[in-house]
Amino acid sequence: LWTYYEKRDLVENKEKAALKRFEDPELAPRIEAMAKKVAQEFLPFDYGRIEFRLDLKTGDINFIEINLNCNLWSEKVMAKAAAHAGFSHADLIETLLAESWRRNGLMQN
């Protein structure tokens, strides 16, 4: 979770580009379900970032964008999200390449 202000460097942020898990027991499952639903429309794909705008006061969740070619070269959002799942940045790149090559018949299991 990044706020609008953090994403655009509009506030002092000691944890520069820190990624925080959003674990609200009511809203997180709703956002996850929405992300899975929109992702189904783009299968097959290897990775992507799906963004929503959340109003914590009202609980309104609005889809913003999906980026299926988001940044992998730096250790930003995708690498930090992978780290939450136990993958290093190198593991993330290797896994994405291997899965893509396998799916496209360029590599066997």
Protein backbone atom coordinates (compact mmCIF):
# COMPACT_ATOMS: atom_id res chain seq x y z
CA LEU A 1 0.00 0.00 0.00
CA TRP A 2 1.32 3.41 -1.00
CA THR A 3 -0.56 6.60 -0.47
CA TYR A 4 -0.98 9.10 -3.30
CA TYR A 5 1.41 11.45 -1.51
CA GLU A 6 4.10 8.79 -0.95
CA LYS A 7 3.94 7.60 -4.55
CA ARG A 8 4.58 11.13 -5.81
CA ASP A 9 7.17 12.04 -3.15
CA LEU A 10 4.94 14.81 -1.80
CA VAL A 11 5.61 13.93 1.84
CA GLU A 12 8.75 13.23 3.84
CA ASN A 13 9.14 9.45 3.86
CA LYS A 14 11.88 7.93 6.00
CA GLU A 15 11.04 4.50 4.58
CA LYS A 16 11.60 5.63 0.99
CA ALA A 17 9.55 3.40 -1.31
CA ALA A 18 8.56 1.13 1.57
CA LEU A 19 5.74 -1.24 0.77
CA LYS A 20 3.28 -1.82 3.58
CA ARG A 21 0.95 -4.81 3.70
CA PHE A 22 -2.70 -3.82 3.78
CA GLU A 23 -4.44 -6.28 6.06
CA ASP A 24 -7.75 -4.62 6.85
CA PRO A 25 -10.00 -7.63 7.62
CA GLU A 26 -12.96 -6.20 5.69
CA LEU A 27 -11.42 -4.20 2.85
CA ALA A 28 -8.35 -6.30 1.95
CA PRO A 29 -10.40 -9.36 0.89
CA ARG A 30 -12.68 -7.13 -1.22
CA ILE A 31 -9.69 -5.56 -2.98
CA GLU A 32 -8.08 -8.97 -3.51
CA ALA A 33 -11.29 -10.33 -5.06
CA MET A 34 -11.53 -7.31 -7.38
CA ALA A 35 -7.89 -7.72 -8.44
CA LYS A 36 -8.39 -11.43 -9.17
CA LYS A 37 -11.50 -10.69 -11.21
CA VAL A 38 -9.82 -8.08 -13.42
CA ALA A 39 -6.68 -10.25 -13.77
CA GLN A 40 -8.79 -13.10 -15.20
CA GLU A 41 -9.58 -10.89 -18.19
CA PHE A 42 -5.91 -10.71 -19.16
CA LEU A 43 -4.84 -14.35 -18.82
CA PRO A 44 -2.34 -15.57 -19.73
CA PHE A 45 0.16 -13.00 -18.48
CA ASP A 46 3.29 -13.25 -16.38
CA TYR A 47 3.02 -10.42 -13.89
CA GLY A 48 1.34 -7.10 -13.39
CA ARG A 49 0.32 -4.37 -11.02
CA ILE A 50 -3.35 -3.62 -10.45
CA GLU A 51 -4.11 -0.32 -8.77
CA PHE A 52 -7.13 0.80 -6.85
CA ARG A 53 -7.98 3.98 -5.00
CA LEU A 54 -9.39 3.35 -1.55
CA ASP A 55 -11.28 5.86 0.59
CA LEU A 56 -10.80 4.64 4.15
CA LYS A 57 -13.56 6.95 5.41
CA THR A 58 -16.28 5.59 3.12
CA GLY A 59 -14.86 2.18 2.17
CA ASP A 60 -15.22 3.07 -1.53
CA ILE A 61 -12.83 1.13 -3.77
CA ASN A 62 -12.24 2.35 -7.32
CA PHE A 63 -10.16 0.66 -10.02
CA ILE A 64 -7.44 2.95 -11.38
CA GLU A 65 -5.30 0.91 -13.78
CA ILE A 66 -3.62 -2.34 -14.63
CA ASN A 67 -0.02 -2.37 -15.82
CA LEU A 68 1.13 -5.68 -17.28
CA ASN A 69 4.59 -4.28 -18.09
CA CYS A 70 5.42 -2.64 -14.80
CA ASN A 71 8.94 -1.92 -13.61
CA LEU A 72 11.08 -4.95 -12.78
CA TRP A 73 14.54 -3.45 -13.22
CA SER A 74 14.69 -1.77 -9.84
CA GLU A 75 13.84 -3.11 -6.44
CA LYS A 76 10.63 -1.14 -6.14
CA VAL A 77 7.01 -2.31 -5.84
CA MET A 78 7.24 -5.65 -7.66
CA ALA A 79 10.48 -6.67 -5.92
CA LYS A 80 9.16 -5.55 -2.53
CA ALA A 81 5.90 -7.45 -3.06
CA ALA A 82 7.89 -10.55 -4.05
CA ALA A 83 9.97 -10.19 -0.88
CA HIS A 84 6.74 -10.36 1.16
CA ALA A 85 6.19 -13.77 -0.50
CA GLY A 86 9.76 -14.91 0.25
CA PHE A 87 11.34 -14.24 -3.18
CA SER A 88 14.50 -12.21 -3.74
CA HIS A 89 14.60 -9.78 -6.66
CA ALA A 90 16.72 -12.31 -8.59
CA ASP A 91 14.26 -15.12 -7.72
CA LEU A 92 11.40 -12.98 -9.03
CA ILE A 93 13.08 -12.37 -12.40
CA GLU A 94 14.14 -16.02 -12.76
CA THR A 95 10.65 -17.30 -11.89
CA LEU A 96 8.90 -14.94 -14.29
CA LEU A 97 11.24 -15.87 -17.14
CA ALA A 98 11.01 -19.60 -16.47
CA GLU A 99 7.21 -19.56 -16.26
CA SER A 100 6.90 -17.50 -19.44
CA TRP A 101 9.33 -19.71 -21.34
CA ARG A 102 7.55 -22.84 -20.11
CA ARG A 103 4.11 -21.48 -21.06
CA ASN A 104 5.39 -20.54 -24.52
CA GLY A 105 7.03 -23.91 -25.15
CA LEU A 106 10.59 -22.60 -24.96
CA MET A 107 11.50 -24.64 -21.90
CA GLN A 108 10.37 -27.98 -20.54
CA ASN A 109 9.55 -28.63 -16.88
